Protein backbone atom coordinates (compact mmCIF):
# COMPACT_ATOMS: atom_id res chain seq x y z
CA MET A 1 -55.22 -2.30 -25.87
CA ASN A 2 -55.88 -0.92 -22.23
CA SER A 3 -56.36 3.21 -21.58
CA ARG A 4 -52.89 3.17 -19.59
CA TRP A 5 -51.50 1.95 -22.50
CA ALA A 6 -53.00 3.95 -25.45
CA VAL A 7 -51.56 7.41 -22.97
CA TRP A 8 -48.67 5.68 -23.22
CA ILE A 9 -48.68 5.66 -27.17
CA LEU A 10 -50.18 9.40 -27.14
CA ALA A 11 -47.31 9.94 -24.81
CA LEU A 12 -44.96 8.83 -27.04
CA ALA A 13 -45.65 10.64 -30.22
CA THR A 14 -45.99 13.87 -28.41
CA ALA A 15 -43.07 13.55 -27.11
CA LEU A 16 -40.55 15.84 -29.53
CA CYS A 17 -43.03 18.17 -29.78
CA VAL A 18 -43.87 18.82 -25.67
CA TYR A 19 -40.38 20.67 -25.35
CA ALA A 20 -40.05 22.87 -27.97
CA PRO A 21 -37.35 25.72 -27.31
CA GLY A 22 -38.80 28.66 -25.87
CA GLY A 23 -39.19 30.45 -22.14
CA LYS A 24 -40.34 27.77 -20.40
CA ALA A 25 -36.84 25.96 -20.38
CA GLN A 26 -36.05 28.98 -18.26
CA GLU A 27 -38.74 28.52 -15.69
CA ALA A 28 -38.02 24.84 -15.61
CA SER A 29 -34.14 25.50 -14.82
CA ARG A 30 -35.75 28.05 -12.23
CA ASN A 31 -38.06 25.28 -10.38
CA GLU A 32 -35.22 22.84 -10.22
CA ALA A 33 -33.38 25.10 -8.40
CA ILE A 34 -36.60 25.16 -5.81
CA TYR A 35 -36.95 21.80 -5.67
CA GLN A 36 -33.00 20.47 -4.69
CA TYR A 37 -32.30 23.34 -2.49
CA LYS A 38 -31.43 21.70 1.32
CA GLY A 39 -29.78 25.24 2.75
CA ALA A 40 -30.63 25.31 6.83
CA ASP A 41 -33.50 27.90 5.78
CA ARG A 42 -35.49 25.63 3.67
CA GLU A 43 -38.84 25.34 5.24
CA GLN A 44 -38.62 29.20 6.32
CA LYS A 45 -37.73 29.62 2.84
CA LEU A 46 -40.25 27.74 1.36
CA VAL A 47 -43.29 28.28 3.81
CA GLU A 48 -43.07 32.18 3.14
CA ALA A 49 -42.49 31.77 -0.48
CA ALA A 50 -45.61 28.94 -0.83
CA ARG A 51 -47.66 31.26 0.80
CA LYS A 52 -46.94 34.38 -1.39
CA GLU A 53 -47.82 31.90 -4.44
CA GLY A 54 -50.99 31.22 -2.74
CA SER A 55 -52.65 28.02 -4.32
CA LEU A 56 -51.50 24.78 -5.96
CA THR A 57 -52.89 22.46 -8.48
CA LEU A 58 -53.13 19.04 -7.90
CA TYR A 59 -53.96 16.21 -10.45
CA THR A 60 -54.69 12.66 -8.37
CA SER A 61 -56.51 9.31 -9.05
CA LEU A 62 -56.86 9.09 -5.10
CA ALA A 63 -60.39 9.21 -4.17
CA THR A 64 -62.69 12.53 -3.54
CA SER A 65 -63.04 11.08 -0.60
CA GLU A 66 -59.43 11.00 0.94
CA SER A 67 -58.29 12.94 -1.80
CA ARG A 68 -60.31 16.18 -0.50
CA PRO A 69 -59.27 15.88 3.03
CA LEU A 70 -55.92 15.69 2.35
CA ALA A 71 -55.85 19.39 0.79
CA GLN A 72 -58.00 20.67 3.20
CA ALA A 73 -55.61 19.44 6.18
CA PHE A 74 -52.89 21.40 3.70
CA GLU A 75 -54.91 24.36 3.20
CA GLU A 76 -55.78 24.63 6.66
CA LYS A 77 -52.23 24.02 7.82
CA TYR A 78 -50.37 26.40 5.51
CA GLY A 79 -53.35 28.68 4.15
CA ILE A 80 -52.56 27.81 0.92
CA LYS A 81 -55.42 26.53 -1.13
CA VAL A 82 -55.38 23.55 -3.39
CA THR A 83 -57.39 23.46 -6.90
CA LEU A 84 -57.97 19.84 -6.79
CA TRP A 85 -58.63 17.98 -10.03
CA ARG A 86 -59.44 13.81 -9.37
CA SER A 87 -59.75 11.36 -12.03
CA THR A 88 -58.86 7.89 -12.97
CA SER A 89 -54.70 7.06 -13.55
CA ASP A 90 -54.59 7.05 -17.44
CA LYS A 91 -56.81 10.43 -17.58
CA VAL A 92 -54.23 12.05 -14.89
CA VAL A 93 -51.57 11.14 -17.27
CA GLN A 94 -53.38 12.33 -20.36
CA ARG A 95 -54.33 15.31 -19.09
CA ALA A 96 -51.17 16.42 -17.83
CA VAL A 97 -49.40 15.22 -21.46
CA THR A 98 -52.34 16.96 -23.64
CA GLU A 99 -51.79 20.21 -21.62
CA ALA A 100 -48.19 19.99 -21.80
CA ARG A 101 -48.40 19.19 -25.77
CA GLY A 102 -50.34 22.68 -26.00
CA GLY A 103 -47.94 24.61 -24.12
CA ARG A 104 -49.73 25.00 -21.06
CA TYR A 105 -48.27 24.26 -18.04
CA ALA A 106 -51.42 24.31 -14.53
CA VAL A 107 -50.73 21.57 -12.99
CA ASP A 108 -48.39 21.96 -10.01
CA VAL A 109 -48.35 18.15 -8.62
CA VAL A 110 -49.38 14.49 -9.41
CA GLU A 111 -50.20 11.80 -7.32
CA THR A 112 -50.80 8.83 -9.04
CA ASN A 113 -50.37 4.94 -9.78
CA GLY A 114 -46.40 4.33 -9.47
CA PRO A 115 -46.92 2.99 -13.94
CA GLU A 116 -48.11 6.14 -14.82
CA MET A 117 -45.57 8.01 -12.79
CA GLU A 118 -43.33 6.23 -14.59
CA MET A 119 -44.68 7.92 -18.00
CA LEU A 120 -44.44 11.23 -16.79
CA ALA A 121 -40.93 10.64 -15.68
CA ARG A 122 -40.22 9.44 -19.06
CA GLU A 123 -41.78 12.37 -20.80
CA LYS A 124 -39.86 14.54 -19.02
CA LEU A 125 -42.93 16.63 -17.33
CA LEU A 126 -41.51 15.58 -13.70
CA ALA A 127 -38.10 16.90 -11.95
CA HIS A 128 -35.77 15.59 -8.96
CA PHE A 129 -36.70 17.01 -5.83
CA GLU A 130 -35.47 17.23 -2.22
CA SER A 131 -37.01 16.53 1.27
CA PRO A 132 -35.83 15.93 4.17
CA HIS A 133 -39.12 13.20 4.63
CA ILE A 134 -37.52 10.77 2.06
CA ALA A 135 -35.34 9.07 4.85
CA ASP A 136 -38.11 7.73 6.60
CA LEU A 137 -38.85 5.78 3.21
CA PRO A 138 -37.63 2.40 1.97
CA ALA A 139 -34.42 3.03 -0.77
CA SER A 140 -37.12 1.02 -3.03
CA ALA A 141 -39.35 3.98 -3.01
CA ARG A 142 -37.38 6.27 -5.19
CA PRO A 143 -36.95 5.52 -8.72
CA ALA A 144 -32.72 5.76 -9.61
CA HIS A 145 -33.72 8.44 -11.71
CA GLY A 146 -35.75 10.32 -8.73
CA LEU A 147 -38.17 11.95 -10.60
CA TRP A 148 -40.70 10.96 -8.37
CA VAL A 149 -41.15 9.05 -4.93
CA THR A 150 -43.27 6.53 -3.61
CA ASP A 151 -45.77 7.94 -1.10
CA ARG A 152 -48.28 4.68 -0.35
CA LEU A 153 -48.95 1.37 -1.38
CA ASN A 154 -51.57 -0.76 -2.88
CA PHE A 155 -51.24 -4.45 -2.18
CA PHE A 156 -52.46 -7.49 -4.26
CA VAL A 157 -54.38 -9.35 -1.29
CA VAL A 158 -56.43 -12.62 -1.16
CA ALA A 159 -60.28 -11.28 0.54
CA TYR A 160 -62.93 -13.43 1.61
CA ASN A 161 -66.49 -13.01 2.12
CA THR A 162 -66.29 -14.95 6.37
CA ASN A 163 -69.84 -15.93 6.06
CA LEU A 164 -69.13 -18.14 3.73
CA VAL A 165 -65.29 -19.03 3.64
CA LYS A 166 -63.29 -19.47 6.96
CA LYS A 167 -59.69 -17.82 7.29
CA ASP A 168 -57.99 -21.46 7.95
CA GLU A 169 -59.50 -22.77 4.95
CA LEU A 170 -57.61 -20.40 3.05
CA PRO A 171 -53.72 -21.68 1.89
CA GLU A 172 -50.56 -19.50 2.36
CA GLN A 173 -49.42 -19.65 -1.16
CA TYR A 174 -51.71 -19.22 -4.48
CA GLU A 175 -50.74 -22.53 -5.46
CA GLY A 176 -53.33 -23.62 -2.99
CA PHE A 177 -56.09 -22.39 -5.09
CA LEU A 178 -55.55 -24.63 -7.41
CA ASP A 179 -57.15 -27.55 -5.46
CA PRO A 180 -60.24 -28.60 -6.98
CA LYS A 181 -62.40 -27.44 -4.35
CA TRP A 182 -61.68 -23.65 -4.89
CA GLN A 183 -63.35 -24.14 -8.62
CA GLY A 184 -66.16 -21.87 -9.07
CA ARG A 185 -65.69 -19.95 -5.76
CA ILE A 186 -62.47 -17.66 -7.16
CA GLY A 187 -62.27 -14.21 -8.63
CA LEU A 188 -59.89 -12.00 -10.27
CA GLU A 189 -59.65 -8.30 -11.26
CA ALA A 190 -59.84 -8.17 -15.24
CA THR A 191 -56.70 -5.76 -15.44
CA ASP A 192 -53.88 -7.09 -12.61
CA VAL A 193 -51.55 -7.70 -15.61
CA GLU A 194 -48.78 -6.40 -13.20
CA TRP A 195 -49.55 -9.10 -10.28
CA MET A 196 -48.94 -12.02 -13.07
CA ALA A 197 -45.93 -10.70 -14.19
CA THR A 198 -44.68 -9.60 -10.90
CA ILE A 199 -45.39 -13.03 -9.70
CA ILE A 200 -44.19 -14.72 -12.65
CA LYS A 201 -40.62 -13.36 -12.14
CA GLU A 202 -40.45 -13.69 -8.76
CA ARG A 203 -41.22 -17.76 -9.06
CA GLY A 204 -39.43 -18.32 -11.87
CA ARG A 205 -40.75 -17.99 -15.72
CA ASP A 206 -41.83 -21.68 -16.02
CA LYS A 207 -43.02 -22.03 -12.88
CA GLY A 208 -44.54 -19.54 -12.91
CA GLU A 209 -46.35 -19.66 -16.15
CA ALA A 210 -47.03 -22.70 -15.27
CA PHE A 211 -49.36 -21.84 -12.43
CA PHE A 212 -51.02 -19.20 -14.08
CA ARG A 213 -52.08 -21.69 -16.94
CA LYS A 214 -53.33 -24.41 -14.46
CA LEU A 215 -54.91 -21.52 -12.65
CA ALA A 216 -56.78 -20.32 -15.80
CA ALA A 217 -57.86 -23.64 -16.49
CA MET A 218 -60.02 -23.52 -13.45
CA ARG A 219 -62.11 -20.49 -15.01
CA PRO A 220 -61.99 -18.04 -12.22
CA ASP A 221 -64.55 -15.23 -12.20
CA VAL A 222 -63.17 -12.16 -13.93
CA ARG A 223 -64.38 -8.69 -13.67
CA LYS A 224 -63.00 -5.47 -13.90
CA GLY A 225 -62.46 -2.90 -10.93
CA HIS A 226 -60.73 -3.48 -7.80
CA MET A 227 -63.49 -1.71 -5.75
CA LEU A 228 -66.08 -3.64 -8.07
CA LEU A 229 -64.46 -7.30 -6.91
CA SER A 230 -64.44 -6.31 -3.22
CA GLU A 231 -68.02 -5.53 -2.63
CA MET A 232 -68.90 -8.48 -4.55
CA VAL A 233 -66.76 -10.70 -2.56
CA GLY A 234 -68.94 -9.02 0.36
CA ALA A 235 -72.12 -9.31 -1.13
CA GLY A 236 -71.17 -12.92 -1.39
CA GLU A 237 -71.06 -13.38 -5.53
CA VAL A 238 -67.26 -13.88 -5.28
CA PRO A 239 -66.37 -15.73 -2.07
CA VAL A 240 -63.19 -15.33 -2.98
CA ALA A 241 -61.02 -13.02 -4.58
CA LEU A 242 -57.22 -13.29 -5.29
CA THR A 243 -56.27 -10.23 -6.34
CA VAL A 244 -58.03 -7.18 -4.18
CA TYR A 245 -56.24 -3.88 -2.22
CA ASN A 246 -56.19 -4.80 1.42
CA SER A 247 -57.07 -0.78 1.91
CA GLU A 248 -60.57 -1.64 0.32
CA ILE A 249 -61.16 -4.12 2.46
CA GLU A 250 -60.34 -2.39 5.29
CA SER A 251 -63.06 0.17 3.94
CA ILE A 252 -65.56 -2.23 3.51
CA SER A 253 -65.16 -3.74 6.79
CA ARG A 254 -65.09 -0.88 8.83
CA ARG A 255 -68.94 -0.44 7.25
CA GLY A 256 -69.95 -3.65 8.49
CA GLY A 257 -69.60 -5.94 5.33
CA PRO A 258 -68.88 -9.39 5.93
CA VAL A 259 -65.13 -9.45 4.52
CA ALA A 260 -61.66 -10.07 5.56
CA TRP A 261 -58.05 -10.12 4.24
CA LYS A 262 -54.96 -12.70 3.96
CA PRO A 263 -51.41 -12.12 2.67
CA VAL A 264 -51.36 -15.03 0.63
CA GLN A 265 -47.89 -15.55 -0.81
CA PRO A 266 -46.37 -14.12 -2.92
CA VAL A 267 -48.07 -10.63 -1.98
CA VAL A 268 -47.74 -8.37 -4.72
CA GLY A 269 -47.28 -4.52 -3.87
CA ARG A 270 -47.63 -1.76 -6.61
CA PRO A 271 -46.23 1.82 -5.58
CA GLN A 272 -47.99 4.91 -5.75
CA GLY A 273 -46.14 7.42 -6.64
CA ILE A 274 -45.93 11.59 -6.04
CA GLY A 275 -44.04 14.23 -7.90
CA VAL A 276 -43.72 17.77 -8.66
CA MET A 277 -43.84 19.41 -12.05
CA ARG A 278 -41.31 20.75 -14.11
CA ASN A 279 -43.03 23.61 -15.30
CA ALA A 280 -44.75 23.78 -11.90
CA PRO A 281 -46.78 27.31 -12.34
CA SER A 282 -46.52 27.46 -8.46
CA PRO A 283 -42.92 25.66 -7.18
CA HIS A 284 -42.37 26.69 -3.59
CA ALA A 285 -46.27 25.19 -3.10
CA ALA A 286 -45.80 22.26 -5.19
CA LEU A 287 -42.73 21.62 -2.67
CA LEU A 288 -44.41 22.31 0.20
CA PHE A 289 -47.07 19.86 -0.56
CA ALA A 290 -44.96 17.08 -1.71
CA ASP A 291 -43.21 17.66 1.86
CA PHE A 292 -46.44 17.55 3.52
CA VAL A 293 -47.53 14.17 2.12
CA LEU A 294 -44.15 12.33 2.53
CA SER A 295 -44.22 13.93 6.23
CA HIS A 296 -44.98 11.52 8.96
CA GLU A 297 -48.64 13.82 9.66
CA GLY A 298 -49.48 13.67 5.62
CA GLN A 299 -48.49 9.88 6.00
CA GLU A 300 -50.54 9.15 9.43
CA PHE A 301 -53.01 10.84 7.33
CA PHE A 302 -52.91 7.79 4.61
CA HIS A 303 -53.12 5.45 7.64
CA SER A 304 -56.25 6.83 9.27
CA VAL A 305 -58.10 6.40 6.01
CA GLY A 306 -56.95 2.64 5.12
CA ARG A 307 -54.74 3.78 2.92
CA ILE A 308 -50.72 1.97 3.15
CA PRO A 309 -48.26 4.82 3.70
CA ALA A 310 -44.96 3.85 2.20
CA SER A 311 -43.13 5.57 5.24
CA GLU A 312 -41.14 3.30 7.57
CA SER A 313 -42.29 6.14 10.11
CA VAL A 314 -45.01 4.95 10.71
CA LYS A 315 -46.59 1.58 11.76
CA THR A 316 -49.33 -0.12 10.42
CA ASN A 317 -50.59 -4.04 10.24
CA LEU A 318 -51.37 -3.26 6.67
CA LYS A 319 -48.18 -4.07 5.18
CA ASN A 320 -46.47 -5.96 8.33
CA PHE A 321 -45.90 -9.06 6.04
CA PRO A 322 -42.97 -10.01 3.14
CA TYR A 323 -43.82 -8.76 0.15
CA VAL A 324 -42.55 -8.48 -3.77
CA MET A 325 -42.90 -5.33 -5.28
CA VAL A 326 -44.13 -4.49 -8.86
CA ASP A 327 -41.08 -2.62 -11.30
CA PRO A 328 -43.16 0.86 -12.81
CA ALA A 329 -40.34 0.35 -15.65
CA THR A 330 -41.00 -3.37 -16.60
CA VAL A 331 -44.66 -2.86 -16.46
CA LEU A 332 -43.73 -0.12 -19.53
CA ASP A 333 -40.58 -1.94 -21.26
CA GLU A 334 -42.61 -5.84 -21.10
CA HIS A 335 -45.88 -4.23 -21.26
CA ASP A 336 -46.53 -6.57 -24.50
CA GLU A 337 -45.46 -9.58 -23.53
CA TRP A 338 -47.20 -9.85 -20.12
CA TYR A 339 -50.70 -8.11 -21.95
CA GLY A 340 -50.20 -10.75 -24.41
CA LEU A 341 -50.17 -13.71 -22.24
CA TRP A 342 -52.80 -12.33 -19.18
CA ASN A 343 -55.38 -11.70 -22.30
CA GLU A 344 -54.66 -14.85 -23.74
CA LEU A 345 -55.44 -17.07 -20.08
CA PHE A 346 -57.92 -14.93 -18.71
CA ILE A 347 -60.08 -12.49 -20.93
CA THR A 348 -60.47 -14.09 -24.46
CA ARG A 349 -60.54 -17.90 -23.55
C-alpha cells in the first residue's frame, strides 16, 4: 500500500477522536462565520483583523522554491508573517490529522493535491469559505461540499527529448504508442494510477482496459517520481515519458534542457487545492491568504513560475487544449480497484 492510502486509513481510524466535544467547537463556529462573510466591507475588515492576528501557518506540498516566494509576496503586500511548512502531500495530510487528533490546531491554511484535500474535507478539518475570486474559476474547481477550491492544475502530458525524438513523430492519441517502434523508448511514472483510471473512464471500461493491457505488454520503463522521470527524459535515458507534468518540463526547458512536451489525447488534469482550516488559530489571515492565492495576482505568480493557474482570468498555453479532470472523490472511493489493476499491469509484472 502506498503512503497516500496509509494516511487515508489513519484518517478514518481517528475520525471519531478528532472532534471530541469541547471548546474547539465554539472556535470552529466563530471561524465559519468569518469565512462566509460577504458584506461590502469584507476586504477592509478582513485585512484589519488579519493584521491584528499578525501571522498564519501554511502547510503545502508546493516546492519551497515556489512556495517561499509566494509567501513572501503575501508578506510584503499585507505585513503578515507566513510560517511555511513544506513536505510531500501525504505528509501534509498526516501532520494535519495527527495534530487534530491530539487537540492541537496549529495550521491555518493547507495547499496540496486535490485527493489529499478531499481527505482533509472528509475528516471535517476544512471549512467552507467564500472569496470573490472563486467567480474567476471554472465550475469544476469547487467540489459540491465547498470545503476546498482548486487553485492550480497539473496536467499529465507526453514529454520527449528533442535530440532523440521529433515532435511530429509523436501520435495524437495515446493509442499510437502501441506501435512497435516505441518498444523500449517509453516510460511511465510509477504512481500514476489516477491517470490510468481517468483514461479508462473516458474511453469506456472495455476499450480503456484493453489499451492499458497492450501498453503494459510494451514493458515501459517505470520510474518513481515525476521530476526524476522528467530529468531522465532530459538526460536521454528515457526518450519519451507518457506521464509527466508539463510544468516540470517547462522548468527543465527554461534551464536549457533538451525537452519539450505535447498534449497527447486524452490529456488528464489533476487539481491542486487550497483550503482554510476549520479550527484555524488565525482565521482572518487564513482567509486573506486564500484570497491572495486565488486572486489574479496570486494566479499570475503561479504562471510566472511555470505552474498552471486554475483561474480563467490568466491566459496561458499551458492549458490551451482539451482535457479531462481527475475526480478526487473517485480516487478515494475506488482506490482498491484501480490500484490493484495498476499494480498488476505495471508494478508486479
